[in-house]
Every structure is written in C-alpha cells, then in structure tokens.
Amino acid sequence: MRYKCVVSYDGYNYMGFQVQDNEITIELCIEEAIKKMLGIDVKIYPSGRTDRYVHAKAQVFHFDLDKDLPDNGIKRGLNSFLPEDIHIISVSHVSDDFHARFSAISKEYRYYINISEYDPLTIRYMPNITNLDIDKMDEAIKLFIGTHDFKGFASAQIDERKDTNKTIFDAHINRLDGKLEFVFIGTGFLKYQVRRMMGALIEIGRGFKDKSLIEEILEKCDPKICHKVAPGCGLYLYKVNYKDE
C-alpha cells in the first residue's frame, strides 16, 4: 500500500529536509516517527528538499507499507511521535503509480519580508528589511515569468547533468499589513533558486541594482553575476499541486 502524506513544519531548528550525517533534519524525524509507530524502517520520498531554516505549509511525501492501515490512524500515530514543530496534516491511500516528486505538476513557494518595525518574535520566520522600493521590485519580479534557463539563479554546486530549464507560471508581490508576500508558482525549482531570485529582488528594492540584473542573469546563465542569497527563514514551500486535485 502506498500512502501520501502532507506535512507542515517550522524549519528553523533543522538542517533542511534531507537526511544528513550527524544532523537533525525533517526527513530523519519523520522516518524515526514511523519506526517508533510501526517498529520497522521505512523510507519516505518527498516532493522535494528544502534548505536549512526553510519552512513548509504543505510539503508532500509518500511511503510504502506491506499492510493496509487506516489513514487517520497513521496521521494520529505519526503526530504522537513527531516534535511539536512538525505536523502531519493529512494521510491518504494513493495508487502505486503516484510519486510525491515525479507526479507533481507544479509547486508554489512564498517568501515573506517584514518591512515594518523590527520584531524579535517574527525574525525566525521572515527577515526584516525596510526602505524597499516595492514598485521596482514589482516590475522586476515579472521578468521571471515564462520558461527560462535558471542556471544563473541556482546553486553553484548543482549537478551539470540536471535540466536547469524551468517554467514559472506566476510571480507577483502581495502587499500585506507590515510585510511583503512574494509568490512563485512553477513546474519546479532548482536548489537555492527562489532564495537567489529573492536576493536579486532585494538588491533591486534597495536601489543597489535595477531590473536589468535579472535580464543579464537569465541571458548569461552565470551564477557568479549575483551572489546574493536571501535568508532561508523567509521561504515557505506553500503547496505542491497534482493533476487530479
């Protein structure tokens, strides 16, 4: 039986999602919770991996079991063994051809910036950056929409065999009370891509660069053009979309 799970987490206390030697990660905590619940080792397969400090509103993963267990029982059981900053939202039976990563048709990330008074209660969840020219950022973010080679916005250590062409369907800014919400919806995102796109947007908003910076990076596909990487604490994997949902 294959089970699809949706999980929300506060990533601040973890070294990202993926299991790493001698580090506490989201994946490690979930797999340990499954082992405590069932007494067996079970490998989980996520829709993607988030970096250190990055949060998730609705990350998706799947795993297989030889037995048929009630969805709600798995949800309750896992949550009883997980730390309070990781929570299973839902569990559902899915067909064997479902894959949390390869069945996804799009992903949505959101990035938040506090543009008002510094708040120590929110600094773990969004950076505090004031005096931004939001209109310039609003013009610049639209340049990401479409199909581009995003190699220039990816990690310099990315596997050269990996396809760096991605399609972004929507990229826009919502002005909320005292903060900005940046929305990115696309087929998929490379390692550090959203944080580096945000790094460029912040440089533009602070008046250090103009929107031609984004055009140059997309044209030359060179990650050395802009080294700015926005803090991970402001980034949220907001939703993973699948065909039949």
C-alpha atoms as a PDB file:
ATOM      1  CA  MET A   1       0.000   0.000   0.000  1.00  0.00           C
ATOM      2  CA  ARG A   2       1.233   3.490  -0.856  1.00  0.00           C
ATOM      3  CA  TYR A   3       0.440   6.402   1.437  1.00  0.00           C
ATOM      4  CA  LYS A   4       0.566  10.094   0.552  1.00  0.00           C
ATOM      5  CA  CYS A   5       1.213  12.477   3.440  1.00  0.00           C
ATOM      6  CA  VAL A   6       1.036  16.259   3.674  1.00  0.00           C
ATOM      7  CA  VAL A   7       3.266  17.749   6.359  1.00  0.00           C
ATOM      8  CA  SER A   8       3.777  21.246   7.741  1.00  0.00           C
ATOM      9  CA  TYR A   9       6.908  22.244   9.619  1.00  0.00           C
ATOM     10  CA  ASP A  10       8.868  25.062  11.161  1.00  0.00           C
ATOM     11  CA  GLY A  11      12.306  24.519   9.640  1.00  0.00           C
ATOM     12  CA  TYR A  12      14.270  26.836  11.913  1.00  0.00           C
ATOM     13  CA  ASN A  13      15.651  24.097  14.177  1.00  0.00           C
ATOM     14  CA  TYR A  14      16.617  21.719  11.370  1.00  0.00           C
ATOM     15  CA  MET A  15      19.404  21.349   8.821  1.00  0.00           C
ATOM     16  CA  GLY A  16      16.912  21.183   5.978  1.00  0.00           C
ATOM     17  CA  PHE A  17      14.683  18.313   4.892  1.00  0.00           C
ATOM     18  CA  GLN A  18      17.137  15.731   3.563  1.00  0.00           C
ATOM     19  CA  VAL A  19      18.866  13.249   5.861  1.00  0.00           C
ATOM     20  CA  GLN A  20      22.483  14.250   6.567  1.00  0.00           C
ATOM     21  CA  ASP A  21      25.167  12.586   8.641  1.00  0.00           C
ATOM     22  CA  ASN A  22      25.072  13.641  12.287  1.00  0.00           C
ATOM     23  CA  GLU A  23      22.445  16.339  11.659  1.00  0.00           C
ATOM     24  CA  ILE A  24      18.813  16.694  12.715  1.00  0.00           C
ATOM     25  CA  THR A  25      16.578  17.009   9.646  1.00  0.00           C
ATOM     26  CA  ILE A  26      12.859  16.846   8.875  1.00  0.00           C
ATOM     27  CA  GLU A  27      13.233  13.595   6.940  1.00  0.00           C
ATOM     28  CA  LEU A  28      15.112  11.969   9.823  1.00  0.00           C
ATOM     29  CA  CYS A  29      12.411  12.936  12.327  1.00  0.00           C
ATOM     30  CA  ILE A  30       9.615  11.578  10.135  1.00  0.00           C
ATOM     31  CA  GLU A  31      11.365   8.281   9.444  1.00  0.00           C
ATOM     32  CA  GLU A  32      12.157   7.877  13.142  1.00  0.00           C
ATOM     33  CA  ALA A  33       8.487   8.535  13.971  1.00  0.00           C
ATOM     34  CA  ILE A  34       7.396   5.842  11.500  1.00  0.00           C
ATOM     35  CA  LYS A  35       9.847   3.381  13.060  1.00  0.00           C
ATOM     36  CA  LYS A  36       8.581   4.148  16.561  1.00  0.00           C
ATOM     37  CA  MET A  37       4.998   3.688  15.381  1.00  0.00           C
ATOM     38  CA  LEU A  38       5.462   0.500  13.332  1.00  0.00           C
ATOM     39  CA  GLY A  39       8.732  -0.970  14.572  1.00  0.00           C
ATOM     40  CA  ILE A  40      10.254  -1.118  11.068  1.00  0.00           C
ATOM     41  CA  ASP A  41      12.494   1.050   8.918  1.00  0.00           C
ATOM     42  CA  VAL A  42      10.537   2.858   6.187  1.00  0.00           C
ATOM     43  CA  LYS A  43      11.979   5.150   3.520  1.00  0.00           C
ATOM     44  CA  ILE A  44       9.972   8.261   2.652  1.00  0.00           C
ATOM     45  CA  TYR A  45      10.020  10.045  -0.717  1.00  0.00           C
ATOM     46  CA  PRO A  46       9.383  13.826  -0.646  1.00  0.00           C
ATOM     47  CA  SER A  47       8.167  16.144  -3.395  1.00  0.00           C
ATOM     48  CA  GLY A  48      11.465  17.970  -2.983  1.00  0.00           C
ATOM     49  CA  ARG A  49      14.014  19.029  -0.390  1.00  0.00           C
ATOM     50  CA  THR A  50      14.024  22.300   1.498  1.00  0.00           C
ATOM     51  CA  ASP A  51      17.146  24.054   2.792  1.00  0.00           C
ATOM     52  CA  ARG A  52      18.166  24.893   6.336  1.00  0.00           C
ATOM     53  CA  TYR A  53      15.714  27.272   8.095  1.00  0.00           C
ATOM     54  CA  VAL A  54      13.129  26.927   5.266  1.00  0.00           C
ATOM     55  CA  HIS A  55       9.562  26.201   6.346  1.00  0.00           C
ATOM     56  CA  ALA A  56       6.696  24.285   4.762  1.00  0.00           C
ATOM     57  CA  LYS A  57       2.994  24.970   4.809  1.00  0.00           C
ATOM     58  CA  ALA A  58       2.219  21.799   2.847  1.00  0.00           C
ATOM     59  CA  GLN A  59       5.161  19.579   1.904  1.00  0.00           C
ATOM     60  CA  VAL A  60       4.233  16.185   0.399  1.00  0.00           C
ATOM     61  CA  PHE A  61       5.898  12.801   0.770  1.00  0.00           C
ATOM     62  CA  HIS A  62       4.918   9.185   0.220  1.00  0.00           C
ATOM     63  CA  PHE A  63       5.957   5.809   1.573  1.00  0.00           C
ATOM     64  CA  ASP A  64       5.013   2.157   1.082  1.00  0.00           C
ATOM     65  CA  LEU A  65       3.848  -0.449   3.593  1.00  0.00           C
ATOM     66  CA  ASP A  66       3.035  -4.139   3.218  1.00  0.00           C
ATOM     67  CA  LYS A  67      -0.089  -3.671   5.330  1.00  0.00           C
ATOM     68  CA  ASP A  68      -3.298  -1.690   4.899  1.00  0.00           C
ATOM     69  CA  LEU A  69      -3.685   0.745   7.788  1.00  0.00           C
ATOM     70  CA  PRO A  70      -6.349   3.436   8.315  1.00  0.00           C
ATOM     71  CA  ASP A  71      -5.273   6.863   7.101  1.00  0.00           C
ATOM     72  CA  ASN A  72      -6.374   8.660  10.239  1.00  0.00           C
ATOM     73  CA  GLY A  73      -4.619   6.085  12.402  1.00  0.00           C
ATOM     74  CA  ILE A  74      -1.323   6.758  10.620  1.00  0.00           C
ATOM     75  CA  LYS A  75      -1.842  10.500  10.987  1.00  0.00           C
ATOM     76  CA  ARG A  76      -2.537  10.270  14.725  1.00  0.00           C
ATOM     77  CA  GLY A  77       0.294   7.816  15.271  1.00  0.00           C
ATOM     78  CA  LEU A  78       2.920   9.853  13.455  1.00  0.00           C
ATOM     79  CA  ASN A  79       1.918  13.101  15.149  1.00  0.00           C
ATOM     80  CA  SER A  80       2.205  11.442  18.554  1.00  0.00           C
ATOM     81  CA  PHE A  81       5.887  10.692  17.866  1.00  0.00           C
ATOM     82  CA  LEU A  82       6.852  13.871  15.990  1.00  0.00           C
ATOM     83  CA  PRO A  83       8.210  17.029  17.678  1.00  0.00           C
ATOM     84  CA  GLU A  84       5.757  19.897  18.046  1.00  0.00           C
ATOM     85  CA  ASP A  85       7.255  21.862  15.137  1.00  0.00           C
ATOM     86  CA  ILE A  86       6.456  19.093  12.619  1.00  0.00           C
ATOM     87  CA  HIS A  87       2.823  18.137  11.985  1.00  0.00           C
ATOM     88  CA  ILE A  88       1.177  15.673   9.596  1.00  0.00           C
ATOM     89  CA  ILE A  89      -1.856  17.441   8.093  1.00  0.00           C
ATOM     90  CA  SER A  90      -3.299  14.504   6.157  1.00  0.00           C
ATOM     91  CA  VAL A  91      -2.665  10.907   5.095  1.00  0.00           C
ATOM     92  CA  SER A  92      -4.369   9.183   2.165  1.00  0.00           C
ATOM     93  CA  HIS A  93      -4.134   5.953   0.202  1.00  0.00           C
ATOM     94  CA  VAL A  94      -2.872   6.507  -3.352  1.00  0.00           C
ATOM     95  CA  SER A  95      -2.208   4.290  -6.343  1.00  0.00           C
ATOM     96  CA  ASP A  96       1.176   2.649  -6.832  1.00  0.00           C
ATOM     97  CA  ASP A  97       1.983   4.941  -9.760  1.00  0.00           C
ATOM     98  CA  PHE A  98       1.779   8.055  -7.574  1.00  0.00           C
ATOM     99  CA  HIS A  99       5.124   9.623  -6.722  1.00  0.00           C
ATOM    100  CA  ALA A 100       5.367  12.673  -4.462  1.00  0.00           C
ATOM    101  CA  ARG A 101       8.101  14.190  -6.633  1.00  0.00           C
ATOM    102  CA  PHE A 102       7.546  12.928 -10.164  1.00  0.00           C
ATOM    103  CA  SER A 103       3.736  13.170 -10.142  1.00  0.00           C
ATOM    104  CA  ALA A 104       3.782  16.852  -9.143  1.00  0.00           C
ATOM    105  CA  ILE A 105       2.759  19.256 -11.923  1.00  0.00           C
ATOM    106  CA  SER A 106       3.684  22.473 -10.110  1.00  0.00           C
ATOM    107  CA  LYS A 107       4.940  23.871  -6.836  1.00  0.00           C
ATOM    108  CA  GLU A 108       4.235  27.108  -5.046  1.00  0.00           C
ATOM    109  CA  TYR A 109       6.762  28.900  -2.873  1.00  0.00           C
ATOM    110  CA  ARG A 110       6.137  32.080  -0.910  1.00  0.00           C
ATOM    111  CA  TYR A 111       8.697  34.406   0.599  1.00  0.00           C
ATOM    112  CA  TYR A 112       7.952  36.921   3.353  1.00  0.00           C
ATOM    113  CA  ILE A 113       9.735  40.110   4.364  1.00  0.00           C
ATOM    114  CA  ASN A 114       8.870  42.249   7.390  1.00  0.00           C
ATOM    115  CA  ILE A 115       9.007  45.867   6.165  1.00  0.00           C
ATOM    116  CA  SER A 116       7.851  47.481   9.412  1.00  0.00           C
ATOM    117  CA  GLU A 117       9.425  47.796  12.864  1.00  0.00           C
ATOM    118  CA  TYR A 118      11.906  45.076  13.771  1.00  0.00           C
ATOM    119  CA  ASP A 119      10.059  42.278  15.579  1.00  0.00           C
ATOM    120  CA  PRO A 120      12.068  39.705  17.551  1.00  0.00           C
ATOM    121  CA  LEU A 121       9.013  37.433  17.578  1.00  0.00           C
ATOM    122  CA  THR A 122       8.982  37.054  13.783  1.00  0.00           C
ATOM    123  CA  ILE A 123      12.673  37.209  12.859  1.00  0.00           C
ATOM    124  CA  ARG A 124      12.847  33.397  12.711  1.00  0.00           C
ATOM    125  CA  TYR A 125      10.092  33.440  10.099  1.00  0.00           C
ATOM    126  CA  MET A 126      10.889  36.436   7.893  1.00  0.00           C
ATOM    127  CA  PRO A 127      13.837  38.813   7.568  1.00  0.00           C
ATOM    128  CA  ASN A 128      13.367  42.461   8.492  1.00  0.00           C
ATOM    129  CA  ILE A 129      14.242  44.715   5.536  1.00  0.00           C
ATOM    130  CA  THR A 130      12.974  48.300   5.348  1.00  0.00           C
ATOM    131  CA  ASN A 131      13.120  51.143   2.808  1.00  0.00           C
ATOM    132  CA  LEU A 132      12.448  48.910  -0.191  1.00  0.00           C
ATOM    133  CA  ASP A 133      11.198  50.325  -3.481  1.00  0.00           C
ATOM    134  CA  ILE A 134       8.289  47.927  -3.902  1.00  0.00           C
ATOM    135  CA  ASP A 135       7.242  49.321  -7.280  1.00  0.00           C
ATOM    136  CA  LYS A 136      10.657  48.498  -8.753  1.00  0.00           C
ATOM    137  CA  MET A 137      10.523  45.029  -7.242  1.00  0.00           C
ATOM    138  CA  ASP A 138       7.046  44.587  -8.672  1.00  0.00           C
ATOM    139  CA  GLU A 139       8.332  45.372 -12.168  1.00  0.00           C
ATOM    140  CA  ALA A 140      11.363  43.118 -11.786  1.00  0.00           C
ATOM    141  CA  ILE A 141       9.571  40.025 -10.461  1.00  0.00           C
ATOM    142  CA  LYS A 142       7.523  39.767 -13.664  1.00  0.00           C
ATOM    143  CA  LEU A 143      10.731  39.027 -15.594  1.00  0.00           C
ATOM    144  CA  PHE A 144      10.821  35.574 -14.016  1.00  0.00           C
ATOM    145  CA  ILE A 145       7.525  34.537 -15.617  1.00  0.00           C
ATOM    146  CA  GLY A 146       7.903  32.142 -18.544  1.00  0.00           C
ATOM    147  CA  THR A 147      10.285  29.346 -19.491  1.00  0.00           C
ATOM    148  CA  HIS A 148      13.940  30.205 -18.849  1.00  0.00           C
ATOM    149  CA  ASP A 149      17.256  28.591 -18.097  1.00  0.00           C
ATOM    150  CA  PHE A 150      17.595  29.359 -14.378  1.00  0.00           C
ATOM    151  CA  LYS A 151      21.151  28.083 -14.023  1.00  0.00           C
ATOM    152  CA  GLY A 152      22.273  31.595 -13.074  1.00  0.00           C
ATOM    153  CA  PHE A 153      19.936  31.512 -10.065  1.00  0.00           C
ATOM    154  CA  ALA A 154      20.860  28.003  -8.919  1.00  0.00           C
ATOM    155  CA  SER A 155      23.479  26.732  -6.507  1.00  0.00           C
ATOM    156  CA  ALA A 156      26.969  26.781  -7.992  1.00  0.00           C
ATOM    157  CA  GLN A 157      27.317  23.144  -6.924  1.00  0.00           C
ATOM    158  CA  ILE A 158      24.339  21.948  -8.976  1.00  0.00           C
ATOM    159  CA  ASP A 159      24.844  18.735 -10.969  1.00  0.00           C
ATOM    160  CA  GLU A 160      25.731  19.718 -14.538  1.00  0.00           C
ATOM    161  CA  ARG A 161      23.527  16.901 -15.843  1.00  0.00           C
ATOM    162  CA  LYS A 162      20.444  18.440 -14.243  1.00  0.00           C
ATOM    163  CA  ASP A 163      17.981  20.238 -16.507  1.00  0.00           C
ATOM    164  CA  THR A 164      18.048  23.889 -15.478  1.00  0.00           C
ATOM    165  CA  ASN A 165      15.162  24.959 -17.730  1.00  0.00           C
ATOM    166  CA  LYS A 166      12.069  25.667 -15.659  1.00  0.00           C
ATOM    167  CA  THR A 167       8.729  27.345 -16.290  1.00  0.00           C
ATOM    168  CA  ILE A 168       7.324  29.907 -13.868  1.00  0.00           C
ATOM    169  CA  PHE A 169       3.593  30.421 -14.379  1.00  0.00           C
ATOM    170  CA  ASP A 170       3.149  33.258 -11.929  1.00  0.00           C
ATOM    171  CA  ALA A 171       5.366  35.564  -9.878  1.00  0.00           C
ATOM    172  CA  HIS A 172       3.913  38.519  -8.031  1.00  0.00           C
ATOM    173  CA  ILE A 173       4.025  40.515  -4.785  1.00  0.00           C
ATOM    174  CA  ASN A 174       1.196  40.897  -2.306  1.00  0.00           C
ATOM    175  CA  ARG A 175       1.363  43.916  -0.003  1.00  0.00           C
ATOM    176  CA  LEU A 176       0.124  42.819   3.401  1.00  0.00           C
ATOM    177  CA  ASP A 177      -0.061  44.622   6.725  1.00  0.00           C
ATOM    178  CA  GLY A 178       3.548  45.426   7.553  1.00  0.00           C
ATOM    179  CA  LYS A 179       5.028  42.751   5.320  1.00  0.00           C
ATOM    180  CA  LEU A 180       5.501  41.670   1.722  1.00  0.00           C
ATOM    181  CA  GLU A 181       4.484  38.290   0.328  1.00  0.00           C
ATOM    182  CA  PHE A 182       6.317  37.107  -2.806  1.00  0.00           C
ATOM    183  CA  VAL A 183       4.541  34.292  -4.678  1.00  0.00           C
ATOM    184  CA  PHE A 184       6.279  31.957  -7.141  1.00  0.00           C
ATOM    185  CA  ILE A 185       4.399  29.162  -8.928  1.00  0.00           C
ATOM    186  CA  GLY A 186       6.271  26.954 -11.371  1.00  0.00           C
ATOM    187  CA  THR A 187       6.949  23.477 -12.683  1.00  0.00           C
ATOM    188  CA  GLY A 188       9.813  23.110 -10.251  1.00  0.00           C
ATOM    189  CA  PHE A 189      12.702  24.983  -8.675  1.00  0.00           C
ATOM    190  CA  LEU A 190      16.437  24.367  -8.502  1.00  0.00           C
ATOM    191  CA  LYS A 191      18.488  24.361  -5.311  1.00  0.00           C
ATOM    192  CA  TYR A 192      18.695  27.941  -3.968  1.00  0.00           C
ATOM    193  CA  GLN A 193      16.693  29.229  -6.984  1.00  0.00           C
ATOM    194  CA  VAL A 194      13.949  31.048  -5.098  1.00  0.00           C
ATOM    195  CA  ARG A 195      16.359  32.415  -2.485  1.00  0.00           C
ATOM    196  CA  ARG A 196      18.696  33.716  -5.195  1.00  0.00           C
ATOM    197  CA  MET A 197      15.813  35.241  -7.142  1.00  0.00           C
ATOM    198  CA  MET A 198      14.788  36.935  -3.913  1.00  0.00           C
ATOM    199  CA  GLY A 199      18.381  38.043  -3.341  1.00  0.00           C
ATOM    200  CA  ALA A 200      18.322  39.826  -6.696  1.00  0.00           C
ATOM    201  CA  LEU A 201      14.911  41.362  -5.999  1.00  0.00           C
ATOM    202  CA  ILE A 202      16.108  42.684  -2.640  1.00  0.00           C
ATOM    203  CA  GLU A 203      19.154  44.268  -4.306  1.00  0.00           C
ATOM    204  CA  ILE A 204      16.788  45.974  -6.756  1.00  0.00           C
ATOM    205  CA  GLY A 205      14.415  47.058  -3.996  1.00  0.00           C
ATOM    206  CA  ARG A 206      17.277  48.602  -2.011  1.00  0.00           C
ATOM    207  CA  GLY A 207      18.392  50.580  -5.064  1.00  0.00           C
ATOM    208  CA  PHE A 208      21.734  48.792  -5.496  1.00  0.00           C
ATOM    209  CA  LYS A 209      20.721  47.241  -8.848  1.00  0.00           C
ATOM    210  CA  ASP A 210      17.993  47.665 -11.441  1.00  0.00           C
ATOM    211  CA  LYS A 211      15.862  45.047 -13.179  1.00  0.00           C
ATOM    212  CA  SER A 212      18.468  44.600 -15.913  1.00  0.00           C
ATOM    213  CA  LEU A 213      20.317  42.448 -13.342  1.00  0.00           C
ATOM    214  CA  ILE A 214      17.657  39.749 -13.724  1.00  0.00           C
ATOM    215  CA  GLU A 215      17.721  40.028 -17.508  1.00  0.00           C
ATOM    216  CA  GLU A 216      21.513  39.653 -17.523  1.00  0.00           C
ATOM    217  CA  ILE A 217      21.480  36.571 -15.259  1.00  0.00           C
ATOM    218  CA  LEU A 218      18.770  34.893 -17.349  1.00  0.00           C
ATOM    219  CA  GLU A 219      20.663  35.678 -20.556  1.00  0.00           C
ATOM    220  CA  LYS A 220      24.164  34.642 -19.435  1.00  0.00           C
ATOM    221  CA  CYS A 221      23.117  31.811 -17.075  1.00  0.00           C
ATOM    222  CA  ASP A 222      26.065  32.686 -14.840  1.00  0.00           C
ATOM    223  CA  PRO A 223      25.580  32.265 -11.059  1.00  0.00           C
ATOM    224  CA  LYS A 224      28.634  34.444 -10.426  1.00  0.00           C
ATOM    225  CA  ILE A 225      26.811  37.602 -11.564  1.00  0.00           C
ATOM    226  CA  CYS A 226      24.835  37.887  -8.332  1.00  0.00           C
ATOM    227  CA  HIS A 227      25.919  36.074  -5.175  1.00  0.00           C
ATOM    228  CA  LYS A 228      23.067  37.350  -3.011  1.00  0.00           C
ATOM    229  CA  VAL A 229      21.054  34.588  -1.352  1.00  0.00           C
ATOM    230  CA  ALA A 230      18.038  35.690   0.699  1.00  0.00           C
ATOM    231  CA  PRO A 231      17.791  34.257   4.248  1.00  0.00           C
ATOM    232  CA  GLY A 232      16.162  30.831   4.379  1.00  0.00           C
ATOM    233  CA  CYS A 233      13.846  31.799   7.253  1.00  0.00           C
ATOM    234  CA  GLY A 234      11.591  33.818   4.941  1.00  0.00           C
ATOM    235  CA  LEU A 235      10.921  30.966   2.500  1.00  0.00           C
ATOM    236  CA  TYR A 236       7.925  28.628   2.661  1.00  0.00           C
ATOM    237  CA  LEU A 237       7.034  25.662   0.485  1.00  0.00           C
ATOM    238  CA  TYR A 238       3.397  26.635   0.289  1.00  0.00           C
ATOM    239  CA  LYS A 239       1.784  23.970  -1.897  1.00  0.00           C
ATOM    240  CA  VAL A 240       2.511  21.051  -4.221  1.00  0.00           C
ATOM    241  CA  ASN A 241      -0.030  20.532  -6.986  1.00  0.00           C
ATOM    242  CA  TYR A 242      -1.001  17.242  -8.635  1.00  0.00           C
ATOM    243  CA  LYS A 243      -3.026  16.549 -11.765  1.00  0.00           C
ATOM    244  CA  ASP A 244      -6.191  15.117 -10.224  1.00  0.00           C
ATOM    245  CA  GLU A 245      -6.502  17.640  -7.394  1.00  0.00           C
END
